[in-house]
N, C-alpha and C. Protein backbone atom coordinates (compact mmCIF):
# COMPACT_ATOMS: atom_id res chain seq x y z
N UNK A 1 -20.94 -9.78 -5.82
CA UNK A 1 -20.29 -8.56 -5.34
C UNK A 1 -20.73 -7.40 -6.21
N UNK A 2 -21.33 -6.41 -5.61
CA UNK A 2 -21.76 -5.24 -6.37
C UNK A 2 -20.88 -4.05 -6.03
N UNK A 3 -20.38 -3.43 -7.06
CA UNK A 3 -19.59 -2.21 -6.93
C UNK A 3 -19.79 -1.44 -8.22
N UNK A 4 -19.44 -0.18 -8.19
CA UNK A 4 -19.54 0.63 -9.41
C UNK A 4 -18.19 1.27 -9.67
N UNK A 5 -17.93 1.52 -10.95
CA UNK A 5 -16.70 2.21 -11.34
C UNK A 5 -17.11 3.48 -12.05
N UNK A 6 -16.47 4.57 -11.65
CA UNK A 6 -16.83 5.87 -12.21
C UNK A 6 -15.59 6.75 -12.25
N UNK A 7 -15.71 7.88 -12.94
CA UNK A 7 -14.64 8.87 -12.92
C UNK A 7 -14.56 9.47 -11.52
N UNK A 8 -13.36 9.67 -11.05
CA UNK A 8 -13.17 10.26 -9.73
C UNK A 8 -13.59 11.72 -9.73
N UNK A 9 -13.97 12.18 -8.56
CA UNK A 9 -14.30 13.58 -8.34
C UNK A 9 -13.28 14.16 -7.36
N UNK A 10 -13.20 15.46 -7.34
CA UNK A 10 -12.27 16.13 -6.45
C UNK A 10 -12.48 15.69 -5.00
N UNK A 11 -13.71 15.52 -4.61
CA UNK A 11 -14.05 15.14 -3.25
C UNK A 11 -13.53 13.73 -2.89
N UNK A 12 -13.20 12.93 -3.89
CA UNK A 12 -12.70 11.57 -3.67
C UNK A 12 -11.22 11.53 -3.31
N UNK A 13 -10.51 12.61 -3.49
CA UNK A 13 -9.06 12.58 -3.39
C UNK A 13 -8.52 12.15 -2.02
N UNK A 14 -9.17 12.47 -0.90
CA UNK A 14 -8.65 11.93 0.37
C UNK A 14 -8.66 10.40 0.39
N UNK A 15 -9.71 9.78 -0.13
CA UNK A 15 -9.76 8.32 -0.17
C UNK A 15 -8.77 7.76 -1.20
N UNK A 16 -8.58 8.47 -2.30
CA UNK A 16 -7.60 8.05 -3.30
C UNK A 16 -6.20 8.08 -2.69
N UNK A 17 -5.89 9.14 -1.95
CA UNK A 17 -4.58 9.22 -1.31
C UNK A 17 -4.40 8.09 -0.30
N UNK A 18 -5.44 7.75 0.40
CA UNK A 18 -5.38 6.62 1.33
C UNK A 18 -5.03 5.33 0.60
N UNK A 19 -5.61 5.11 -0.56
CA UNK A 19 -5.29 3.93 -1.36
C UNK A 19 -3.84 3.96 -1.84
N UNK A 20 -3.37 5.14 -2.23
CA UNK A 20 -1.98 5.28 -2.67
C UNK A 20 -1.03 4.90 -1.53
N UNK A 21 -1.36 5.34 -0.33
CA UNK A 21 -0.53 5.00 0.83
C UNK A 21 -0.59 3.50 1.14
N UNK A 22 -1.76 2.90 0.94
CA UNK A 22 -1.89 1.45 1.13
C UNK A 22 -1.00 0.71 0.13
N UNK A 23 -0.96 1.19 -1.11
CA UNK A 23 -0.11 0.59 -2.12
C UNK A 23 1.37 0.72 -1.73
N UNK A 24 1.75 1.86 -1.23
CA UNK A 24 3.15 2.07 -0.82
C UNK A 24 3.56 1.06 0.26
N UNK A 25 2.66 0.79 1.17
CA UNK A 25 2.94 -0.22 2.21
C UNK A 25 3.09 -1.59 1.56
N UNK A 26 2.18 -1.95 0.66
CA UNK A 26 2.23 -3.23 -0.04
C UNK A 26 3.54 -3.38 -0.82
N UNK A 27 4.00 -2.27 -1.41
CA UNK A 27 5.22 -2.31 -2.21
C UNK A 27 6.48 -2.08 -1.37
N UNK A 28 6.32 -2.16 -0.05
CA UNK A 28 7.44 -2.10 0.90
C UNK A 28 8.14 -0.75 0.93
N UNK A 29 7.38 0.32 0.66
CA UNK A 29 7.91 1.68 0.73
C UNK A 29 6.93 2.57 1.48
N UNK A 30 6.66 2.24 2.76
CA UNK A 30 5.58 2.94 3.49
C UNK A 30 5.79 4.44 3.67
N UNK A 31 7.02 4.91 3.58
CA UNK A 31 7.27 6.34 3.80
C UNK A 31 7.57 7.10 2.51
N UNK A 32 7.34 6.49 1.36
CA UNK A 32 7.72 7.09 0.09
C UNK A 32 6.72 8.11 -0.44
N UNK A 33 5.48 8.06 0.00
CA UNK A 33 4.45 8.95 -0.55
C UNK A 33 4.59 10.35 0.03
N UNK A 34 4.83 11.31 -0.85
CA UNK A 34 4.88 12.72 -0.42
C UNK A 34 3.73 13.52 -1.03
N UNK A 35 3.03 12.93 -1.98
CA UNK A 35 1.87 13.58 -2.59
C UNK A 35 0.82 13.87 -1.52
N UNK A 36 0.15 14.99 -1.66
CA UNK A 36 -0.90 15.38 -0.72
C UNK A 36 -2.25 15.40 -1.42
N UNK A 37 -3.30 15.49 -0.63
CA UNK A 37 -4.64 15.65 -1.19
C UNK A 37 -4.68 16.90 -2.06
N UNK A 38 -4.05 17.96 -1.58
CA UNK A 38 -4.03 19.20 -2.35
C UNK A 38 -3.35 19.01 -3.70
N UNK A 39 -2.26 18.24 -3.73
CA UNK A 39 -1.59 17.95 -5.00
C UNK A 39 -2.54 17.25 -5.97
N UNK A 40 -3.21 16.23 -5.47
CA UNK A 40 -4.14 15.47 -6.32
C UNK A 40 -5.28 16.36 -6.82
N UNK A 41 -5.81 17.19 -5.94
CA UNK A 41 -6.91 18.08 -6.34
C UNK A 41 -6.45 19.09 -7.38
N UNK A 42 -5.29 19.70 -7.15
CA UNK A 42 -4.77 20.72 -8.06
C UNK A 42 -4.41 20.12 -9.41
N UNK A 43 -3.71 19.01 -9.42
CA UNK A 43 -3.19 18.45 -10.67
C UNK A 43 -4.23 17.63 -11.43
N UNK A 44 -5.26 17.16 -10.74
CA UNK A 44 -6.27 16.35 -11.43
C UNK A 44 -7.53 17.09 -11.78
N UNK A 45 -7.72 18.26 -11.19
CA UNK A 45 -9.01 18.94 -11.38
C UNK A 45 -8.86 20.42 -11.67
N UNK A 46 -7.69 20.83 -12.07
CA UNK A 46 -7.46 22.23 -12.42
C UNK A 46 -7.85 22.50 -13.86
N UNK A 47 -7.38 23.62 -14.36
CA UNK A 47 -7.69 24.05 -15.73
C UNK A 47 -7.16 23.05 -16.76
N UNK A 48 -5.98 22.49 -16.50
CA UNK A 48 -5.37 21.52 -17.41
C UNK A 48 -4.99 20.27 -16.59
N UNK A 49 -5.95 19.39 -16.36
CA UNK A 49 -5.68 18.21 -15.53
C UNK A 49 -4.55 17.36 -16.09
N UNK A 50 -3.69 16.88 -15.20
CA UNK A 50 -2.56 16.07 -15.61
C UNK A 50 -2.88 14.58 -15.62
N UNK A 51 -4.00 14.20 -15.03
CA UNK A 51 -4.34 12.78 -14.98
C UNK A 51 -5.84 12.58 -14.98
N UNK A 52 -6.23 11.35 -15.27
CA UNK A 52 -7.61 10.89 -15.17
C UNK A 52 -7.61 9.77 -14.13
N UNK A 53 -8.58 9.80 -13.26
CA UNK A 53 -8.66 8.79 -12.21
C UNK A 53 -10.04 8.16 -12.24
N UNK A 54 -10.06 6.84 -12.14
CA UNK A 54 -11.30 6.08 -12.02
C UNK A 54 -11.32 5.46 -10.63
N UNK A 55 -12.48 5.45 -10.01
CA UNK A 55 -12.60 4.84 -8.69
C UNK A 55 -13.65 3.74 -8.72
N UNK A 56 -13.42 2.75 -7.88
CA UNK A 56 -14.39 1.68 -7.67
C UNK A 56 -15.01 1.92 -6.30
N UNK A 57 -16.32 1.89 -6.27
CA UNK A 57 -17.05 2.25 -5.05
C UNK A 57 -17.99 1.11 -4.66
N UNK A 58 -17.98 0.80 -3.38
CA UNK A 58 -18.90 -0.19 -2.82
C UNK A 58 -19.44 0.38 -1.53
N UNK A 59 -20.74 0.45 -1.43
CA UNK A 59 -21.40 0.99 -0.24
C UNK A 59 -20.83 2.36 0.15
N UNK A 60 -20.67 3.22 -0.84
CA UNK A 60 -20.20 4.61 -0.66
C UNK A 60 -18.76 4.72 -0.18
N UNK A 61 -18.02 3.62 -0.23
CA UNK A 61 -16.60 3.63 0.13
C UNK A 61 -15.79 3.37 -1.14
N UNK A 62 -14.75 4.15 -1.33
CA UNK A 62 -13.86 3.91 -2.47
C UNK A 62 -12.91 2.79 -2.08
N UNK A 63 -13.01 1.69 -2.84
CA UNK A 63 -12.25 0.48 -2.51
C UNK A 63 -11.21 0.14 -3.59
N UNK A 64 -11.12 0.97 -4.60
CA UNK A 64 -10.13 0.77 -5.64
C UNK A 64 -10.02 1.99 -6.52
N UNK A 65 -8.92 2.08 -7.23
CA UNK A 65 -8.73 3.21 -8.15
C UNK A 65 -7.71 2.86 -9.21
N UNK A 66 -7.81 3.55 -10.33
CA UNK A 66 -6.82 3.47 -11.40
C UNK A 66 -6.55 4.90 -11.85
N UNK A 67 -5.28 5.26 -11.91
CA UNK A 67 -4.89 6.61 -12.30
C UNK A 67 -4.04 6.51 -13.56
N UNK A 68 -4.45 7.26 -14.59
CA UNK A 68 -3.77 7.23 -15.89
C UNK A 68 -3.47 8.65 -16.36
N UNK A 69 -2.52 8.75 -17.28
CA UNK A 69 -2.23 10.03 -17.91
C UNK A 69 -1.65 9.79 -19.29
N UNK A 70 -1.67 10.83 -20.11
CA UNK A 70 -1.14 10.73 -21.47
C UNK A 70 0.38 10.82 -21.47
N UNK A 71 0.96 10.07 -22.39
CA UNK A 71 2.37 10.16 -22.71
C UNK A 71 2.47 10.24 -24.23
N UNK A 72 3.63 10.58 -24.69
CA UNK A 72 3.84 10.57 -26.13
C UNK A 72 5.04 9.69 -26.43
N UNK A 73 4.83 8.69 -27.27
CA UNK A 73 5.89 7.78 -27.71
C UNK A 73 6.37 8.22 -29.08
N UNK A 74 7.68 8.33 -29.24
CA UNK A 74 8.21 8.69 -30.56
C UNK A 74 7.93 7.59 -31.57
N UNK A 75 7.67 6.38 -31.12
CA UNK A 75 7.37 5.27 -32.01
C UNK A 75 5.88 5.10 -32.26
N UNK A 76 5.06 5.36 -31.24
CA UNK A 76 3.63 5.04 -31.33
C UNK A 76 2.72 6.26 -31.31
N UNK A 77 3.24 7.41 -30.97
CA UNK A 77 2.39 8.59 -30.83
C UNK A 77 1.79 8.64 -29.44
N UNK A 78 0.57 9.11 -29.36
CA UNK A 78 -0.09 9.29 -28.05
C UNK A 78 -0.38 7.94 -27.41
N UNK A 79 0.01 7.80 -26.15
CA UNK A 79 -0.23 6.59 -25.38
C UNK A 79 -0.81 6.97 -24.02
N UNK A 80 -1.26 5.97 -23.31
CA UNK A 80 -1.75 6.16 -21.94
C UNK A 80 -0.80 5.42 -21.00
N UNK A 81 -0.42 6.07 -19.94
CA UNK A 81 0.37 5.41 -18.89
C UNK A 81 -0.54 5.14 -17.70
N UNK A 82 -0.60 3.89 -17.30
CA UNK A 82 -1.33 3.50 -16.10
C UNK A 82 -0.36 3.62 -14.94
N UNK A 83 -0.50 4.66 -14.17
CA UNK A 83 0.42 4.91 -13.05
C UNK A 83 0.18 3.92 -11.92
N UNK A 84 -1.06 3.79 -11.52
CA UNK A 84 -1.39 2.86 -10.43
C UNK A 84 -2.78 2.29 -10.63
N UNK A 85 -2.91 1.03 -10.31
CA UNK A 85 -4.20 0.37 -10.19
C UNK A 85 -4.17 -0.28 -8.81
N UNK A 86 -5.04 0.19 -7.94
CA UNK A 86 -4.99 -0.21 -6.53
C UNK A 86 -6.35 -0.74 -6.11
N UNK A 87 -6.33 -1.85 -5.40
CA UNK A 87 -7.54 -2.43 -4.82
C UNK A 87 -7.27 -2.65 -3.34
N UNK A 88 -8.18 -2.18 -2.50
CA UNK A 88 -8.03 -2.41 -1.06
C UNK A 88 -7.85 -3.90 -0.79
N UNK A 89 -7.02 -4.21 0.17
CA UNK A 89 -6.70 -5.60 0.46
C UNK A 89 -7.95 -6.44 0.68
N UNK A 90 -8.92 -5.90 1.41
CA UNK A 90 -10.14 -6.67 1.70
C UNK A 90 -10.98 -6.97 0.46
N UNK A 91 -10.70 -6.26 -0.66
CA UNK A 91 -11.48 -6.43 -1.89
C UNK A 91 -10.74 -7.21 -2.97
N UNK A 92 -9.52 -7.61 -2.68
CA UNK A 92 -8.76 -8.36 -3.69
C UNK A 92 -9.41 -9.72 -3.90
N UNK A 93 -9.39 -10.16 -5.15
CA UNK A 93 -9.99 -11.45 -5.49
C UNK A 93 -11.48 -11.39 -5.77
N UNK A 94 -12.05 -10.20 -5.82
CA UNK A 94 -13.49 -10.05 -6.05
C UNK A 94 -13.84 -9.70 -7.49
N UNK A 95 -12.83 -9.48 -8.32
CA UNK A 95 -13.07 -9.05 -9.69
C UNK A 95 -13.00 -7.55 -9.86
N UNK A 96 -12.85 -6.83 -8.77
CA UNK A 96 -12.81 -5.37 -8.81
C UNK A 96 -11.59 -4.88 -9.58
N UNK A 97 -10.42 -5.49 -9.35
CA UNK A 97 -9.21 -5.10 -10.07
C UNK A 97 -9.35 -5.32 -11.57
N UNK A 98 -9.95 -6.45 -11.93
CA UNK A 98 -10.18 -6.74 -13.36
C UNK A 98 -11.12 -5.71 -13.97
N UNK A 99 -12.12 -5.30 -13.23
CA UNK A 99 -13.08 -4.31 -13.73
C UNK A 99 -12.40 -2.95 -13.92
N UNK A 100 -11.54 -2.55 -13.00
CA UNK A 100 -10.80 -1.30 -13.16
C UNK A 100 -9.86 -1.37 -14.36
N UNK A 101 -9.19 -2.49 -14.50
CA UNK A 101 -8.27 -2.72 -15.61
C UNK A 101 -9.03 -2.61 -16.94
N UNK A 102 -10.18 -3.24 -17.02
CA UNK A 102 -11.00 -3.17 -18.22
C UNK A 102 -11.43 -1.73 -18.51
N UNK A 103 -11.77 -0.99 -17.46
CA UNK A 103 -12.17 0.42 -17.62
C UNK A 103 -11.03 1.22 -18.26
N UNK A 104 -9.81 0.99 -17.80
CA UNK A 104 -8.65 1.70 -18.35
C UNK A 104 -8.44 1.34 -19.82
N UNK A 105 -8.53 0.06 -20.14
CA UNK A 105 -8.32 -0.38 -21.52
C UNK A 105 -9.41 0.19 -22.43
N UNK A 106 -10.66 0.18 -21.98
CA UNK A 106 -11.74 0.77 -22.77
C UNK A 106 -11.53 2.27 -22.95
N UNK A 107 -11.12 2.96 -21.90
CA UNK A 107 -10.85 4.40 -21.95
C UNK A 107 -9.79 4.68 -23.03
N UNK A 108 -8.71 3.92 -22.99
CA UNK A 108 -7.63 4.10 -23.96
C UNK A 108 -8.11 3.80 -25.38
N UNK A 109 -8.84 2.72 -25.53
CA UNK A 109 -9.34 2.33 -26.85
C UNK A 109 -10.28 3.41 -27.40
N UNK A 110 -11.15 3.94 -26.55
CA UNK A 110 -12.09 4.99 -26.98
C UNK A 110 -11.36 6.27 -27.38
N UNK A 111 -10.20 6.52 -26.78
CA UNK A 111 -9.42 7.71 -27.13
C UNK A 111 -8.55 7.48 -28.36
N UNK A 112 -8.47 6.25 -28.80
CA UNK A 112 -7.70 5.95 -30.00
C UNK A 112 -6.19 5.93 -29.80
N UNK A 113 -5.75 5.74 -28.57
CA UNK A 113 -4.30 5.67 -28.35
C UNK A 113 -3.78 4.32 -28.86
N UNK A 114 -2.50 4.28 -29.15
CA UNK A 114 -1.91 3.08 -29.74
C UNK A 114 -1.29 2.13 -28.72
N UNK A 115 -1.21 2.57 -27.46
CA UNK A 115 -0.60 1.70 -26.45
C UNK A 115 -1.00 2.17 -25.06
N UNK A 116 -1.15 1.21 -24.18
CA UNK A 116 -1.26 1.47 -22.74
C UNK A 116 -0.02 0.83 -22.14
N UNK A 117 0.63 1.54 -21.27
CA UNK A 117 1.86 1.02 -20.67
C UNK A 117 1.86 1.26 -19.16
N UNK A 118 2.58 0.41 -18.46
CA UNK A 118 2.70 0.53 -17.01
C UNK A 118 3.88 -0.29 -16.56
N UNK A 119 4.22 -0.21 -15.31
CA UNK A 119 5.30 -1.03 -14.75
C UNK A 119 4.71 -1.93 -13.68
N UNK A 120 5.38 -3.05 -13.46
CA UNK A 120 4.96 -3.99 -12.42
C UNK A 120 6.24 -4.48 -11.74
N UNK A 121 6.20 -4.60 -10.44
CA UNK A 121 7.37 -5.09 -9.72
C UNK A 121 7.63 -6.56 -10.06
N UNK A 122 8.89 -6.92 -10.20
CA UNK A 122 9.22 -8.28 -10.64
C UNK A 122 8.81 -9.35 -9.64
N UNK A 123 8.59 -8.99 -8.39
CA UNK A 123 8.16 -9.98 -7.39
C UNK A 123 6.64 -10.12 -7.31
N UNK A 124 5.90 -9.28 -8.01
CA UNK A 124 4.44 -9.33 -7.97
C UNK A 124 3.93 -10.34 -9.00
N UNK A 125 4.17 -11.60 -8.72
CA UNK A 125 3.87 -12.67 -9.66
C UNK A 125 2.39 -12.75 -10.02
N UNK A 126 1.51 -12.51 -9.05
CA UNK A 126 0.08 -12.55 -9.33
C UNK A 126 -0.32 -11.53 -10.37
N UNK A 127 0.20 -10.30 -10.23
CA UNK A 127 -0.11 -9.24 -11.20
C UNK A 127 0.49 -9.58 -12.56
N UNK A 128 1.73 -10.07 -12.57
CA UNK A 128 2.37 -10.41 -13.84
C UNK A 128 1.57 -11.47 -14.58
N UNK A 129 1.14 -12.49 -13.89
CA UNK A 129 0.35 -13.55 -14.52
C UNK A 129 -0.98 -13.01 -15.04
N UNK A 130 -1.61 -12.14 -14.25
CA UNK A 130 -2.88 -11.53 -14.68
C UNK A 130 -2.67 -10.74 -15.97
N UNK A 131 -1.64 -9.91 -16.01
CA UNK A 131 -1.39 -9.09 -17.19
C UNK A 131 -1.09 -9.96 -18.41
N UNK A 132 -0.30 -11.00 -18.22
CA UNK A 132 0.01 -11.88 -19.34
C UNK A 132 -1.24 -12.59 -19.85
N UNK A 133 -2.09 -13.07 -18.93
CA UNK A 133 -3.34 -13.71 -19.34
C UNK A 133 -4.24 -12.75 -20.12
N UNK A 134 -4.13 -11.45 -19.80
CA UNK A 134 -4.99 -10.47 -20.47
C UNK A 134 -4.50 -10.13 -21.87
N UNK A 135 -3.30 -10.60 -22.21
CA UNK A 135 -2.74 -10.29 -23.53
C UNK A 135 -1.65 -9.23 -23.51
N UNK A 136 -1.36 -8.68 -22.34
CA UNK A 136 -0.29 -7.69 -22.23
C UNK A 136 1.07 -8.37 -22.32
N UNK A 137 2.04 -7.66 -22.82
CA UNK A 137 3.41 -8.17 -22.89
C UNK A 137 4.19 -7.58 -21.73
N UNK A 138 4.75 -8.44 -20.89
CA UNK A 138 5.60 -7.99 -19.79
C UNK A 138 7.04 -8.02 -20.30
N UNK A 139 7.59 -6.85 -20.51
CA UNK A 139 8.94 -6.73 -21.08
C UNK A 139 9.98 -6.94 -19.98
N UNK A 140 10.87 -7.89 -20.20
CA UNK A 140 11.89 -8.17 -19.18
C UNK A 140 13.24 -7.59 -19.54
N UNK A 141 13.36 -7.06 -20.75
CA UNK A 141 14.65 -6.53 -21.16
C UNK A 141 14.76 -5.01 -21.05
N UNK A 142 13.74 -4.37 -20.52
CA UNK A 142 13.76 -2.93 -20.29
C UNK A 142 13.85 -2.68 -18.79
N UNK A 143 14.51 -1.64 -18.40
CA UNK A 143 14.64 -1.26 -17.00
C UNK A 143 14.02 0.11 -16.79
N UNK A 144 13.21 0.24 -15.75
CA UNK A 144 12.67 1.55 -15.39
C UNK A 144 13.78 2.35 -14.71
N UNK A 145 13.90 3.60 -15.08
CA UNK A 145 14.94 4.47 -14.53
C UNK A 145 14.26 5.66 -13.85
N UNK A 146 14.65 5.94 -12.64
CA UNK A 146 14.13 7.10 -11.89
C UNK A 146 15.30 7.95 -11.44
N UNK A 147 15.07 9.24 -11.33
CA UNK A 147 16.02 10.12 -10.65
C UNK A 147 15.19 10.97 -9.70
N UNK A 148 15.46 10.85 -8.41
CA UNK A 148 14.68 11.59 -7.42
C UNK A 148 15.22 13.02 -7.29
N UNK A 149 14.58 13.80 -6.41
CA UNK A 149 14.95 15.22 -6.26
C UNK A 149 16.41 15.39 -5.88
N UNK A 150 16.89 14.57 -4.93
CA UNK A 150 18.29 14.68 -4.51
C UNK A 150 19.22 14.31 -5.65
N UNK A 151 18.84 13.30 -6.41
CA UNK A 151 19.65 12.91 -7.57
C UNK A 151 19.74 14.02 -8.60
N UNK A 152 18.61 14.71 -8.85
CA UNK A 152 18.62 15.82 -9.80
C UNK A 152 19.53 16.94 -9.30
N UNK A 153 19.41 17.26 -8.02
CA UNK A 153 20.24 18.31 -7.43
C UNK A 153 21.71 17.94 -7.55
N UNK A 154 22.05 16.71 -7.18
CA UNK A 154 23.45 16.27 -7.25
C UNK A 154 23.97 16.33 -8.68
N UNK A 155 23.19 15.84 -9.61
CA UNK A 155 23.60 15.84 -11.02
C UNK A 155 23.88 17.27 -11.49
N UNK A 156 22.96 18.19 -11.20
CA UNK A 156 23.10 19.56 -11.68
C UNK A 156 24.24 20.30 -10.99
N UNK A 157 24.51 19.96 -9.75
CA UNK A 157 25.61 20.62 -9.03
C UNK A 157 26.98 20.16 -9.54
N UNK A 158 27.07 18.94 -10.00
CA UNK A 158 28.37 18.38 -10.38
C UNK A 158 28.59 18.34 -11.89
N UNK A 159 27.65 18.87 -12.66
CA UNK A 159 27.83 18.90 -14.12
C UNK A 159 27.78 20.29 -14.66
């Protein structure tokens, strides 16, 4: 299987958004994506980009991507957050996901960050096993907390 992994370009964002929507379907939230191509272009390729994106390409088609951004840990300092690593369904099991994962880890190591972090759904056993085999620690005693737009509005109105 031949594919290449490279830094994403602005022109790739429509295909990246398509992958994001494919992931939302896989994660049983098909209507959750509100991000647009314009959002990705503006936030990833403006004067102060908020993220770095790597794409996997086969025969001029983007078949996978990994999107990361910097965070700051009060315990560790600068870290990288892996927001999403997505592989098109038809390409799963080809080693493409492993190659994207390795690209992210090398990127982080080259930048000298002290940690790469991400979340994984508890039912995604294949991903959990992959991460554990790679040496990552899957923390089971921490809970991810989100507050959506309506939650923020409600909180601010009642406090």
